[in-house]
Protein backbone atom coordinates (compact mmCIF):
# COMPACT_ATOMS: atom_id res chain seq x y z
CA MET A 1 30.23 4.65 32.74
CA SER A 2 31.27 1.51 29.89
CA ILE A 3 33.56 2.31 26.79
CA SER A 4 30.55 1.28 24.92
CA GLY A 5 28.80 3.90 26.54
CA VAL A 6 31.46 6.65 25.89
CA LEU A 7 31.43 5.48 22.37
CA THR A 8 27.74 5.60 22.26
CA MET A 9 27.24 9.39 23.21
CA VAL A 10 30.39 10.62 20.88
CA ALA A 11 28.08 8.60 17.99
CA ARG A 12 24.93 10.99 19.66
CA GLU A 13 27.22 13.70 19.00
CA HIS A 14 28.88 13.70 16.33
CA PRO A 15 27.11 12.21 12.87
CA ALA A 16 30.35 11.60 11.70
CA LEU A 17 30.98 8.43 14.35
CA ARG A 18 27.67 6.84 13.94
CA HIS A 19 28.72 3.44 12.74
CA ILE A 20 30.71 3.06 15.92
CA LYS A 21 27.15 2.30 17.23
CA ALA A 22 26.82 -0.83 15.05
CA CYS A 23 30.32 -2.63 16.91
CA GLY A 24 28.47 -2.13 20.63
CA PRO A 25 26.74 -4.26 22.36
CA ALA A 26 23.64 -1.86 22.06
CA MET A 27 22.88 -2.33 18.49
CA ARG A 28 22.62 -6.10 19.87
CA GLU A 29 19.67 -5.13 22.50
CA ALA A 30 18.11 -2.95 19.57
CA PRO A 31 15.44 -5.22 17.75
CA LEU A 32 15.17 -4.92 13.94
CA GLU A 33 11.84 -4.22 12.77
CA ARG A 34 9.71 -5.42 9.27
CA ARG A 35 8.91 -2.52 7.25
CA GLY A 36 6.14 -3.01 4.72
CA SER A 37 6.43 -7.41 2.89
CA ASP A 38 10.16 -6.97 3.15
CA ALA A 39 11.09 -10.83 4.78
CA MET A 40 14.16 -10.77 7.43
CA VAL A 41 17.30 -12.59 6.10
CA ARG A 42 19.89 -13.75 7.89
CA ILE A 43 23.46 -14.00 6.57
CA LYS A 44 26.63 -15.61 8.76
CA VAL A 45 29.23 -14.33 8.09
CA GLU A 46 32.70 -16.13 8.56
CA ASN A 47 35.31 -14.04 8.35
CA MET A 48 33.99 -10.66 10.15
CA THR A 49 35.59 -10.12 13.96
CA CYS A 50 36.05 -6.70 14.60
CA GLY A 51 34.54 -2.98 14.67
CA GLY A 52 36.57 -3.02 11.08
CA CYS A 53 34.97 -5.87 9.88
CA ALA A 54 31.43 -5.22 11.23
CA LYS A 55 31.78 -1.47 8.90
CA GLY A 56 32.62 -3.14 5.82
CA VAL A 57 29.85 -5.67 6.07
CA THR A 58 27.41 -2.79 6.74
CA ALA A 59 28.81 -0.21 3.78
CA THR A 60 28.83 -3.72 1.64
CA LEU A 61 25.31 -4.52 2.34
CA LYS A 62 23.81 -1.24 2.51
CA GLU A 63 25.31 -1.01 -1.42
CA ALA A 64 23.68 -3.92 -2.14
CA ALA A 65 20.08 -3.38 -0.85
CA PRO A 66 20.03 0.32 -0.43
CA GLY A 67 17.53 1.97 1.65
CA LYS A 68 16.96 -1.59 3.58
CA LEU A 69 17.70 -1.92 7.88
CA VAL A 70 20.91 -3.44 8.23
CA ALA A 71 20.77 -5.02 12.12
CA LEU A 72 24.46 -7.17 12.51
CA ASP A 73 25.57 -9.28 15.96
CA LEU A 74 29.14 -9.37 15.99
CA GLU A 75 28.99 -11.71 18.52
CA LYS A 76 27.48 -14.41 16.75
CA LYS A 77 28.91 -12.86 13.03
CA GLU A 78 25.65 -12.92 12.16
CA VAL A 79 24.20 -10.14 9.50
CA THR A 80 19.93 -9.31 9.56
CA VAL A 81 18.47 -7.45 6.35
CA ALA A 82 15.17 -6.77 5.97
CA MET A 83 14.91 -8.39 2.63
CA ASP A 84 13.43 -10.43 1.04
CA ASP A 85 16.19 -12.64 -1.29
CA VAL A 86 19.53 -13.26 0.27
CA ALA A 87 20.97 -14.17 -3.35
CA PRO A 88 21.37 -10.62 -3.64
CA LEU A 89 23.12 -9.81 -0.63
CA LEU A 90 25.56 -13.51 -0.39
CA ALA A 91 26.92 -12.49 -4.09
CA ALA A 92 27.75 -8.80 -2.97
CA LEU A 93 29.34 -9.61 0.31
CA GLU A 94 31.38 -12.61 -1.42
CA LYS A 95 32.44 -10.12 -4.07
CA ASP A 96 34.14 -8.86 -1.12
CA GLY A 97 35.57 -11.12 0.14
CA TRP A 98 33.82 -12.18 2.30
CA GLN A 99 32.89 -15.68 3.70
CA ALA A 100 29.03 -15.69 3.89
CA LYS A 101 26.54 -17.82 3.59
CA ALA A 102 22.44 -18.01 4.79
CA ALA A 103 21.82 -18.33 8.37
């Protein structure tokens, strides 16, 4: 079993560790589905380089857009959010020190 498989298995069993899945390949394989009328916006985050960065970016976006779907691709340094307007997300990311631009 791969390390990401083990981490995914552990995350399923321990709700406090669910953020681990955001860093593994499983997150890239799962498609992000639209909900309601929200458009999908993609953001490039140049300084998102590791799992800790991914966790920080995700936390910033979930705070800026509560209840919205957030998916990330660490290899591409991209985040996809189910939201119509990218401006508040970019502002929140930049405020927290992330180098972000619309993809």
